Amino acid sequence: MRPQPLAACLALAVFLLLGGASASPQSVTPPPASTPASSTVAVGNPISGRTLVYTCQGCHGITGYKNAYPSYRVPKLGGQSAQYLTQALLEYREGKRKHPTMQAQAQSFSDQDIADISVFLSTLK
């Protein structure tokens, strides 16, 4: 895991989730009146997240589990903040975090899937 302060990670996650990197004040236009306003931030549904995390349990659900190669401890996900989990999955999906299994998993998830998974896992103890 990279040694970054949690506050910086959370601030970056909120910034990216709110579309801060792509929107400029000059280019923002309100949606047409006939189209309902849509948010760029997906709101997580813990019920949907519960069904999506079944593959996560194979590695993350085993106390003290270590991979055979490369050898490292697999982090526990239950109880982590939804913001942290969302940021981590987005970074795996974008290739910013390097782990072949996690990159493959994250690439299979939509933004809504990631929000659902993050919210569900954050409710676990």
N, C-alpha and C. Protein backbone atom coordinates (compact mmCIF):
# COMPACT_ATOMS: atom_id res chain seq x y z
N MET A 1 0.85 -1.18 0.00
CA MET A 1 0.00 0.00 0.00
C MET A 1 0.89 1.24 0.00
N ARG A 2 0.48 2.23 -0.74
CA ARG A 2 1.28 3.44 -0.83
C ARG A 2 1.16 4.27 0.44
N PRO A 3 2.26 4.87 0.88
CA PRO A 3 2.24 5.65 2.11
C PRO A 3 1.70 7.06 1.89
N GLN A 4 0.39 7.20 1.77
CA GLN A 4 -0.22 8.52 1.63
C GLN A 4 -1.14 8.74 2.81
N PRO A 5 -1.20 9.97 3.28
CA PRO A 5 -2.11 10.25 4.39
C PRO A 5 -3.56 9.99 3.96
N LEU A 6 -4.35 9.46 4.88
CA LEU A 6 -5.73 9.13 4.59
C LEU A 6 -6.51 10.37 4.14
N ALA A 7 -6.25 11.51 4.75
CA ALA A 7 -6.98 12.72 4.38
C ALA A 7 -6.73 13.10 2.92
N ALA A 8 -5.50 12.94 2.46
CA ALA A 8 -5.19 13.27 1.07
C ALA A 8 -5.90 12.30 0.13
N CYS A 9 -5.95 11.03 0.48
CA CYS A 9 -6.65 10.04 -0.34
C CYS A 9 -8.14 10.35 -0.41
N LEU A 10 -8.73 10.67 0.73
CA LEU A 10 -10.15 10.98 0.75
C LEU A 10 -10.46 12.25 -0.04
N ALA A 11 -9.60 13.25 0.09
CA ALA A 11 -9.81 14.49 -0.66
C ALA A 11 -9.73 14.24 -2.16
N LEU A 12 -8.78 13.43 -2.58
CA LEU A 12 -8.65 13.10 -3.99
C LEU A 12 -9.86 12.31 -4.47
N ALA A 13 -10.33 11.38 -3.66
CA ALA A 13 -11.50 10.58 -4.04
C ALA A 13 -12.72 11.46 -4.24
N VAL A 14 -12.96 12.36 -3.31
CA VAL A 14 -14.10 13.27 -3.44
C VAL A 14 -13.94 14.16 -4.66
N PHE A 15 -12.75 14.67 -4.88
CA PHE A 15 -12.48 15.54 -6.02
C PHE A 15 -12.77 14.81 -7.34
N LEU A 16 -12.25 13.59 -7.46
CA LEU A 16 -12.45 12.83 -8.69
C LEU A 16 -13.89 12.38 -8.86
N LEU A 17 -14.53 11.98 -7.77
CA LEU A 17 -15.93 11.54 -7.86
C LEU A 17 -16.86 12.67 -8.24
N LEU A 18 -16.52 13.87 -7.86
CA LEU A 18 -17.36 15.02 -8.21
C LEU A 18 -17.02 15.59 -9.58
N GLY A 19 -16.11 14.95 -10.30
CA GLY A 19 -15.77 15.38 -11.65
C GLY A 19 -14.89 16.60 -11.68
N GLY A 20 -14.15 16.85 -10.62
CA GLY A 20 -13.31 18.04 -10.53
C GLY A 20 -12.22 18.11 -11.57
N ALA A 21 -11.73 16.98 -12.06
CA ALA A 21 -10.64 17.00 -13.02
C ALA A 21 -11.11 17.28 -14.43
N SER A 22 -12.40 17.09 -14.71
CA SER A 22 -12.84 17.20 -16.09
C SER A 22 -13.69 18.44 -16.37
N ALA A 23 -14.25 19.04 -15.35
CA ALA A 23 -15.16 20.16 -15.58
C ALA A 23 -14.47 21.49 -15.30
N SER A 24 -14.66 22.43 -16.22
CA SER A 24 -14.17 23.79 -15.99
C SER A 24 -15.38 24.71 -15.91
N PRO A 25 -15.27 25.85 -15.20
CA PRO A 25 -16.43 26.72 -15.03
C PRO A 25 -17.01 27.19 -16.36
N GLN A 26 -16.19 27.37 -17.39
CA GLN A 26 -16.69 27.85 -18.67
C GLN A 26 -17.46 26.78 -19.42
N SER A 27 -17.15 25.50 -19.19
CA SER A 27 -17.76 24.44 -19.98
C SER A 27 -18.99 23.82 -19.32
N VAL A 28 -19.32 24.21 -18.11
CA VAL A 28 -20.46 23.62 -17.42
C VAL A 28 -21.73 24.31 -17.88
N THR A 29 -22.66 23.50 -18.37
CA THR A 29 -23.96 24.04 -18.77
C THR A 29 -25.04 23.23 -18.07
N PRO A 30 -26.13 23.88 -17.69
CA PRO A 30 -27.19 23.14 -17.03
C PRO A 30 -27.88 22.19 -18.01
N PRO A 31 -28.46 21.08 -17.51
CA PRO A 31 -29.15 20.16 -18.40
C PRO A 31 -30.41 20.80 -18.96
N PRO A 32 -30.90 20.34 -20.12
CA PRO A 32 -32.14 20.87 -20.66
C PRO A 32 -33.29 20.66 -19.69
N ALA A 33 -34.30 21.50 -19.76
CA ALA A 33 -35.41 21.45 -18.82
C ALA A 33 -36.17 20.13 -18.89
N SER A 34 -36.21 19.50 -20.06
CA SER A 34 -36.96 18.25 -20.19
C SER A 34 -36.21 17.04 -19.67
N THR A 35 -34.90 17.18 -19.44
CA THR A 35 -34.09 16.07 -18.94
C THR A 35 -33.88 16.23 -17.45
N PRO A 36 -34.16 15.19 -16.66
CA PRO A 36 -33.90 15.30 -15.23
C PRO A 36 -32.41 15.45 -14.96
N ALA A 37 -32.08 16.24 -13.94
CA ALA A 37 -30.67 16.44 -13.59
C ALA A 37 -30.07 15.11 -13.14
N SER A 38 -28.88 14.82 -13.66
CA SER A 38 -28.20 13.58 -13.26
C SER A 38 -26.92 13.93 -12.54
N SER A 39 -26.57 13.10 -11.59
CA SER A 39 -25.36 13.30 -10.80
C SER A 39 -24.25 12.44 -11.37
N THR A 40 -23.01 12.95 -11.33
CA THR A 40 -21.88 12.16 -11.81
C THR A 40 -21.42 11.18 -10.73
N VAL A 41 -21.90 11.35 -9.51
CA VAL A 41 -21.51 10.47 -8.42
C VAL A 41 -22.59 9.41 -8.25
N ALA A 42 -22.20 8.16 -8.39
CA ALA A 42 -23.16 7.08 -8.21
C ALA A 42 -23.43 6.90 -6.72
N VAL A 43 -24.70 6.76 -6.38
CA VAL A 43 -25.08 6.51 -5.00
C VAL A 43 -25.17 5.00 -4.82
N GLY A 44 -24.43 4.49 -3.85
CA GLY A 44 -24.35 3.06 -3.65
C GLY A 44 -25.59 2.45 -3.03
N ASN A 45 -25.91 1.25 -3.46
CA ASN A 45 -27.01 0.48 -2.92
C ASN A 45 -26.42 -0.75 -2.23
N PRO A 46 -26.47 -0.81 -0.89
CA PRO A 46 -25.83 -1.92 -0.20
C PRO A 46 -26.44 -3.29 -0.52
N ILE A 47 -27.70 -3.32 -0.89
CA ILE A 47 -28.33 -4.60 -1.24
C ILE A 47 -27.73 -5.15 -2.53
N SER A 48 -27.55 -4.29 -3.52
CA SER A 48 -26.89 -4.72 -4.76
C SER A 48 -25.43 -5.05 -4.51
N GLY A 49 -24.79 -4.28 -3.65
CA GLY A 49 -23.39 -4.52 -3.32
C GLY A 49 -23.17 -5.88 -2.69
N ARG A 50 -24.12 -6.29 -1.89
CA ARG A 50 -24.00 -7.60 -1.21
C ARG A 50 -23.92 -8.74 -2.23
N THR A 51 -24.68 -8.64 -3.31
CA THR A 51 -24.65 -9.70 -4.32
C THR A 51 -23.38 -9.63 -5.17
N LEU A 52 -22.78 -8.45 -5.28
CA LEU A 52 -21.59 -8.28 -6.12
C LEU A 52 -20.29 -8.73 -5.44
N VAL A 53 -20.26 -8.76 -4.11
CA VAL A 53 -19.01 -9.05 -3.41
C VAL A 53 -18.74 -10.54 -3.22
N TYR A 54 -19.55 -11.40 -3.81
CA TYR A 54 -19.33 -12.83 -3.59
C TYR A 54 -17.94 -13.27 -4.05
N THR A 55 -17.40 -12.68 -5.11
CA THR A 55 -16.06 -13.08 -5.55
C THR A 55 -14.97 -12.51 -4.66
N CYS A 56 -15.25 -11.44 -3.96
CA CYS A 56 -14.26 -10.81 -3.07
C CYS A 56 -13.95 -11.71 -1.87
N GLN A 57 -14.94 -12.47 -1.44
CA GLN A 57 -14.79 -13.30 -0.25
C GLN A 57 -13.71 -14.36 -0.40
N GLY A 58 -13.44 -14.79 -1.62
CA GLY A 58 -12.43 -15.81 -1.85
C GLY A 58 -11.06 -15.43 -1.31
N CYS A 59 -10.71 -14.17 -1.39
CA CYS A 59 -9.41 -13.70 -0.88
C CYS A 59 -9.57 -12.85 0.38
N HIS A 60 -10.47 -11.87 0.31
CA HIS A 60 -10.59 -10.89 1.39
C HIS A 60 -11.39 -11.38 2.57
N GLY A 61 -12.11 -12.48 2.44
CA GLY A 61 -12.95 -12.96 3.53
C GLY A 61 -12.27 -13.96 4.43
N ILE A 62 -11.01 -14.29 4.17
CA ILE A 62 -10.31 -15.29 4.95
C ILE A 62 -9.32 -14.60 5.88
N THR A 63 -9.50 -14.74 7.18
CA THR A 63 -8.63 -14.09 8.16
C THR A 63 -7.19 -14.60 8.02
N GLY A 64 -6.25 -13.68 7.90
CA GLY A 64 -4.84 -14.03 7.83
C GLY A 64 -4.39 -14.60 6.50
N TYR A 65 -5.21 -14.50 5.47
CA TYR A 65 -4.88 -15.08 4.17
C TYR A 65 -3.70 -14.36 3.54
N LYS A 66 -2.80 -15.13 2.95
CA LYS A 66 -1.67 -14.57 2.20
C LYS A 66 -1.63 -15.26 0.85
N ASN A 67 -1.34 -14.50 -0.17
CA ASN A 67 -1.19 -15.07 -1.51
C ASN A 67 0.08 -15.92 -1.55
N ALA A 68 0.09 -16.93 -2.42
CA ALA A 68 1.28 -17.76 -2.58
C ALA A 68 2.38 -16.98 -3.30
N TYR A 69 2.01 -16.23 -4.34
CA TYR A 69 2.98 -15.42 -5.08
C TYR A 69 2.28 -14.23 -5.66
N PRO A 70 2.77 -13.04 -5.58
CA PRO A 70 3.81 -12.66 -4.62
C PRO A 70 3.23 -12.73 -3.22
N SER A 71 4.07 -12.95 -2.27
CA SER A 71 3.62 -13.15 -0.90
C SER A 71 3.34 -11.81 -0.23
N TYR A 72 2.10 -11.57 0.08
CA TYR A 72 1.71 -10.38 0.83
C TYR A 72 0.38 -10.67 1.52
N ARG A 73 0.10 -9.90 2.52
CA ARG A 73 -1.14 -10.07 3.27
C ARG A 73 -2.28 -9.40 2.52
N VAL A 74 -3.40 -10.09 2.40
CA VAL A 74 -4.58 -9.56 1.73
C VAL A 74 -5.35 -8.71 2.72
N PRO A 75 -5.65 -7.46 2.38
CA PRO A 75 -6.32 -6.58 3.35
C PRO A 75 -7.78 -6.97 3.61
N LYS A 76 -8.21 -6.72 4.83
CA LYS A 76 -9.61 -6.89 5.21
C LYS A 76 -10.39 -5.69 4.68
N LEU A 77 -11.53 -5.93 4.06
CA LEU A 77 -12.30 -4.85 3.45
C LEU A 77 -13.46 -4.36 4.32
N GLY A 78 -14.02 -5.24 5.11
CA GLY A 78 -15.17 -4.87 5.93
C GLY A 78 -14.84 -3.75 6.89
N GLY A 79 -15.68 -2.73 6.89
CA GLY A 79 -15.49 -1.60 7.79
C GLY A 79 -14.64 -0.47 7.24
N GLN A 80 -14.01 -0.67 6.08
CA GLN A 80 -13.26 0.43 5.45
C GLN A 80 -14.27 1.49 5.00
N SER A 81 -13.83 2.72 4.84
CA SER A 81 -14.75 3.77 4.40
C SER A 81 -15.13 3.55 2.94
N ALA A 82 -16.35 3.91 2.61
CA ALA A 82 -16.83 3.77 1.23
C ALA A 82 -15.98 4.60 0.28
N GLN A 83 -15.53 5.77 0.72
CA GLN A 83 -14.70 6.62 -0.13
C GLN A 83 -13.38 5.95 -0.47
N TYR A 84 -12.76 5.35 0.53
CA TYR A 84 -11.48 4.67 0.31
C TYR A 84 -11.66 3.49 -0.65
N LEU A 85 -12.68 2.68 -0.42
CA LEU A 85 -12.92 1.51 -1.27
C LEU A 85 -13.23 1.93 -2.71
N THR A 86 -14.01 2.98 -2.87
CA THR A 86 -14.32 3.47 -4.21
C THR A 86 -13.06 3.92 -4.91
N GLN A 87 -12.24 4.69 -4.22
CA GLN A 87 -11.00 5.18 -4.82
C GLN A 87 -10.08 4.03 -5.19
N ALA A 88 -9.95 3.05 -4.33
CA ALA A 88 -9.08 1.91 -4.60
C ALA A 88 -9.55 1.15 -5.84
N LEU A 89 -10.85 0.87 -5.92
CA LEU A 89 -11.37 0.14 -7.09
C LEU A 89 -11.22 0.94 -8.38
N LEU A 90 -11.43 2.24 -8.29
CA LEU A 90 -11.24 3.08 -9.49
C LEU A 90 -9.78 3.07 -9.93
N GLU A 91 -8.85 3.12 -8.97
CA GLU A 91 -7.42 3.09 -9.31
C GLU A 91 -7.01 1.75 -9.90
N TYR A 92 -7.57 0.66 -9.40
CA TYR A 92 -7.29 -0.64 -10.01
C TYR A 92 -7.84 -0.68 -11.43
N ARG A 93 -9.05 -0.18 -11.61
CA ARG A 93 -9.68 -0.20 -12.93
C ARG A 93 -8.89 0.64 -13.94
N GLU A 94 -8.34 1.75 -13.49
CA GLU A 94 -7.58 2.64 -14.37
C GLU A 94 -6.12 2.22 -14.52
N GLY A 95 -5.69 1.19 -13.80
CA GLY A 95 -4.31 0.72 -13.88
C GLY A 95 -3.33 1.50 -13.03
N LYS A 96 -3.83 2.38 -12.17
CA LYS A 96 -2.95 3.16 -11.30
C LYS A 96 -2.43 2.32 -10.13
N ARG A 97 -3.18 1.33 -9.74
CA ARG A 97 -2.73 0.35 -8.75
C ARG A 97 -2.46 -0.94 -9.49
N LYS A 98 -1.34 -1.54 -9.17
CA LYS A 98 -0.89 -2.73 -9.91
C LYS A 98 -1.14 -4.01 -9.12
N HIS A 99 -2.10 -4.78 -9.55
CA HIS A 99 -2.34 -6.13 -9.06
C HIS A 99 -3.24 -6.78 -10.10
N PRO A 100 -2.72 -7.78 -10.83
CA PRO A 100 -3.47 -8.34 -11.96
C PRO A 100 -4.88 -8.82 -11.62
N THR A 101 -5.05 -9.50 -10.49
CA THR A 101 -6.38 -10.00 -10.14
C THR A 101 -7.32 -8.85 -9.82
N MET A 102 -6.85 -7.89 -9.05
CA MET A 102 -7.70 -6.76 -8.70
C MET A 102 -8.01 -5.89 -9.92
N GLN A 103 -7.05 -5.73 -10.81
CA GLN A 103 -7.31 -4.95 -12.03
C GLN A 103 -8.39 -5.64 -12.86
N ALA A 104 -8.32 -6.94 -13.00
CA ALA A 104 -9.32 -7.68 -13.78
C ALA A 104 -10.70 -7.57 -13.12
N GLN A 105 -10.74 -7.71 -11.81
CA GLN A 105 -12.01 -7.57 -11.09
C GLN A 105 -12.59 -6.18 -11.29
N ALA A 106 -11.79 -5.16 -11.06
CA ALA A 106 -12.28 -3.78 -11.14
C ALA A 106 -12.72 -3.41 -12.55
N GLN A 107 -12.06 -3.93 -13.56
CA GLN A 107 -12.45 -3.62 -14.94
C GLN A 107 -13.81 -4.20 -15.29
N SER A 108 -14.24 -5.20 -14.55
CA SER A 108 -15.55 -5.79 -14.83
C SER A 108 -16.69 -5.02 -14.16
N PHE A 109 -16.36 -4.03 -13.32
CA PHE A 109 -17.38 -3.29 -12.59
C PHE A 109 -17.67 -1.94 -13.22
N SER A 110 -18.95 -1.57 -13.26
CA SER A 110 -19.36 -0.23 -13.68
C SER A 110 -19.17 0.72 -12.50
N ASP A 111 -19.34 2.01 -12.74
CA ASP A 111 -19.27 2.99 -11.65
C ASP A 111 -20.32 2.68 -10.59
N GLN A 112 -21.52 2.28 -11.03
CA GLN A 112 -22.59 1.94 -10.08
C GLN A 112 -22.22 0.71 -9.27
N ASP A 113 -21.63 -0.30 -9.92
CA ASP A 113 -21.19 -1.50 -9.21
C ASP A 113 -20.18 -1.14 -8.12
N ILE A 114 -19.23 -0.29 -8.46
CA ILE A 114 -18.20 0.11 -7.49
C ILE A 114 -18.83 0.85 -6.31
N ALA A 115 -19.78 1.74 -6.59
CA ALA A 115 -20.47 2.45 -5.51
C ALA A 115 -21.24 1.48 -4.62
N ASP A 116 -21.93 0.52 -5.22
CA ASP A 116 -22.70 -0.47 -4.46
C ASP A 116 -21.78 -1.32 -3.59
N ILE A 117 -20.69 -1.81 -4.15
CA ILE A 117 -19.73 -2.64 -3.41
C ILE A 117 -19.14 -1.85 -2.24
N SER A 118 -18.73 -0.62 -2.51
CA SER A 118 -18.10 0.20 -1.48
C SER A 118 -19.03 0.48 -0.31
N VAL A 119 -20.28 0.81 -0.61
CA VAL A 119 -21.24 1.09 0.45
C VAL A 119 -21.52 -0.17 1.27
N PHE A 120 -21.70 -1.31 0.61
CA PHE A 120 -21.95 -2.54 1.34
C PHE A 120 -20.78 -2.91 2.25
N LEU A 121 -19.56 -2.92 1.70
CA LEU A 121 -18.40 -3.32 2.49
C LEU A 121 -18.17 -2.37 3.66
N SER A 122 -18.49 -1.11 3.50
CA SER A 122 -18.29 -0.14 4.58
C SER A 122 -19.24 -0.39 5.75
N THR A 123 -20.33 -1.12 5.53
CA THR A 123 -21.28 -1.40 6.61
C THR A 123 -20.89 -2.62 7.43
N LEU A 124 -19.92 -3.41 6.95
CA LEU A 124 -19.50 -4.63 7.66
C LEU A 124 -18.55 -4.29 8.79
N LYS A 125 -18.50 -5.15 9.77
CA LYS A 125 -17.59 -4.97 10.90
C LYS A 125 -16.33 -5.75 10.67
